[in-house]
Amino acid sequence: MKTFVAVYIGTPQAMERSGWLTMSDSRKQERQREGIEAWERWAEANKDAIVDGGAPLGKTKKVSAAGIEDSRNNLAAYVVVRAATHEAAARLFEGHPHFTIFPGDSVEIMECLPIPGG
């Protein structure tokens, strides 16, 4: 089995498309409840593949040769999974609540490769 990190992407465009920003507070709370329940069902259905359940991601600091600065990106959360192939790992996220209920944009899945020479 291979290990993959999946990063949940959230863009301003996805937020706008979803209508989340103009949704009533009561409807938003209902969608959040539905989304959390669906996410829990997804996690239960895929528990054998989940290595690290991950977490939401907060604000970003960027460190470079120029120093430390505040930064912004579209990374919203992550999870680590195991699967036989990259395709199989990607299929775990088809129809995921991140973008079917919540205003997320997509999930990007990358294989965790061995360190060269390690």
Protein backbone atom coordinates (compact mmCIF):
# COMPACT_ATOMS: atom_id res chain seq x y z
CA MET A 1 0.00 0.00 0.00
CA LYS A 2 1.10 3.53 -0.74
CA THR A 3 0.53 6.60 1.43
CA PHE A 4 -1.12 9.74 0.10
CA VAL A 5 -1.81 13.16 1.52
CA ALA A 6 -5.09 14.68 0.40
CA VAL A 7 -5.48 18.44 0.67
CA TYR A 8 -8.92 20.00 0.69
CA ILE A 9 -9.00 23.13 -1.47
CA GLY A 10 -11.30 26.07 -0.86
CA THR A 11 -11.37 29.01 -3.25
CA PRO A 12 -13.27 32.28 -3.17
CA GLN A 13 -14.88 31.22 -6.47
CA ALA A 14 -16.20 27.98 -4.95
CA MET A 15 -17.55 29.90 -1.96
CA GLU A 16 -19.37 32.26 -4.32
CA ARG A 17 -20.70 29.46 -6.58
CA SER A 18 -22.09 27.60 -3.58
CA GLY A 19 -24.20 30.57 -2.47
CA TRP A 20 -22.72 30.11 1.02
CA LEU A 21 -22.08 33.85 1.49
CA THR A 22 -25.71 34.81 0.84
CA MET A 23 -27.28 31.81 2.60
CA SER A 24 -29.41 32.55 5.66
CA ASP A 25 -27.80 31.72 9.01
CA SER A 26 -30.38 29.02 9.69
CA ARG A 27 -29.82 27.38 6.30
CA LYS A 28 -26.04 27.62 6.76
CA GLN A 29 -26.31 25.91 10.17
CA GLU A 30 -28.47 23.18 8.63
CA ARG A 31 -25.93 22.65 5.81
CA GLN A 32 -23.08 22.54 8.34
CA ARG A 33 -24.90 19.87 10.34
CA GLU A 34 -25.61 17.88 7.16
CA GLY A 35 -22.01 18.30 6.05
CA ILE A 36 -20.52 17.16 9.35
CA GLU A 37 -22.80 14.11 9.42
CA ALA A 38 -21.88 13.25 5.81
CA TRP A 39 -18.17 13.76 6.55
CA GLU A 40 -18.44 11.42 9.55
CA ARG A 41 -20.14 8.80 7.35
CA TRP A 42 -17.36 9.22 4.76
CA ALA A 43 -14.70 8.75 7.48
CA GLU A 44 -16.45 5.66 8.84
CA ALA A 45 -16.81 4.14 5.36
CA ASN A 46 -13.12 4.77 4.65
CA LYS A 47 -11.68 4.14 8.13
CA ASP A 48 -9.46 1.28 6.90
CA ALA A 49 -7.76 3.64 4.43
CA ILE A 50 -7.36 6.64 6.78
CA VAL A 51 -3.91 6.84 8.38
CA ASP A 52 -4.31 10.32 9.87
CA GLY A 53 -7.72 11.97 10.03
CA GLY A 54 -6.10 15.33 9.48
CA ALA A 55 -7.48 18.69 10.53
CA PRO A 56 -8.65 22.04 9.24
CA LEU A 57 -5.77 24.39 8.40
CA GLY A 58 -5.40 27.90 9.82
CA LYS A 59 -3.71 31.05 8.62
CA THR A 60 -0.43 30.74 6.72
CA LYS A 61 3.06 32.07 7.40
CA LYS A 62 5.58 31.82 4.57
CA VAL A 63 9.29 31.45 5.33
CA SER A 64 11.86 32.16 2.62
CA ALA A 65 15.32 33.64 2.24
CA ALA A 66 13.59 37.03 2.55
CA GLY A 67 12.26 36.15 6.02
CA ILE A 68 8.84 35.41 7.48
CA GLU A 69 5.64 36.92 6.17
CA ASP A 70 1.90 36.37 6.23
CA SER A 71 0.67 34.51 3.20
CA ARG A 72 -2.58 33.22 1.71
CA ASN A 73 -3.39 30.03 -0.16
CA ASN A 74 -6.41 27.86 -0.90
CA LEU A 75 -5.52 24.97 1.46
CA ALA A 76 -8.42 24.29 3.81
CA ALA A 77 -7.65 20.93 5.49
CA TYR A 78 -5.79 17.66 5.01
CA VAL A 79 -6.08 13.91 5.58
CA VAL A 80 -3.58 11.07 5.05
CA VAL A 81 -4.80 7.84 3.44
CA ARG A 82 -3.39 4.54 2.22
CA ALA A 83 -4.38 2.94 -1.06
CA ALA A 84 -2.96 0.52 -3.61
CA THR A 85 -2.71 3.17 -6.34
CA HIS A 86 -2.99 6.91 -6.87
CA GLU A 87 -6.26 6.33 -8.74
CA ALA A 88 -7.66 4.27 -5.84
CA ALA A 89 -6.72 7.04 -3.41
CA ALA A 90 -8.44 9.63 -5.59
CA ARG A 91 -11.59 7.52 -5.83
CA LEU A 92 -11.95 7.69 -2.03
CA PHE A 93 -12.91 11.35 -2.44
CA GLU A 94 -15.49 11.07 -5.23
CA GLY A 95 -18.67 12.83 -4.10
CA HIS A 96 -16.99 14.04 -0.88
CA PRO A 97 -19.03 16.42 1.33
CA HIS A 98 -16.20 18.98 1.12
CA PHE A 99 -17.55 20.01 -2.29
CA THR A 100 -21.02 18.45 -2.40
CA ILE A 101 -22.38 20.02 0.80
CA PHE A 102 -19.74 22.47 2.02
CA PRO A 103 -18.50 25.26 -0.27
CA GLY A 104 -15.17 23.55 -0.95
CA ASP A 105 -13.65 23.49 -4.41
CA SER A 106 -11.81 20.16 -4.68
CA VAL A 107 -9.50 17.63 -3.04
CA GLU A 108 -5.95 17.22 -4.36
CA ILE A 109 -4.28 13.87 -3.67
CA MET A 110 -0.49 13.42 -3.74
CA GLU A 111 1.58 10.32 -3.09
CA CYS A 112 4.07 10.57 -0.21
CA LEU A 113 7.28 9.47 -1.90
CA PRO A 114 10.37 8.04 -0.21
CA ILE A 115 13.20 10.45 0.49
CA PRO A 116 15.79 10.07 -2.28
CA GLY A 117 18.84 8.20 -1.05
CA GLY A 118 17.05 7.38 2.21
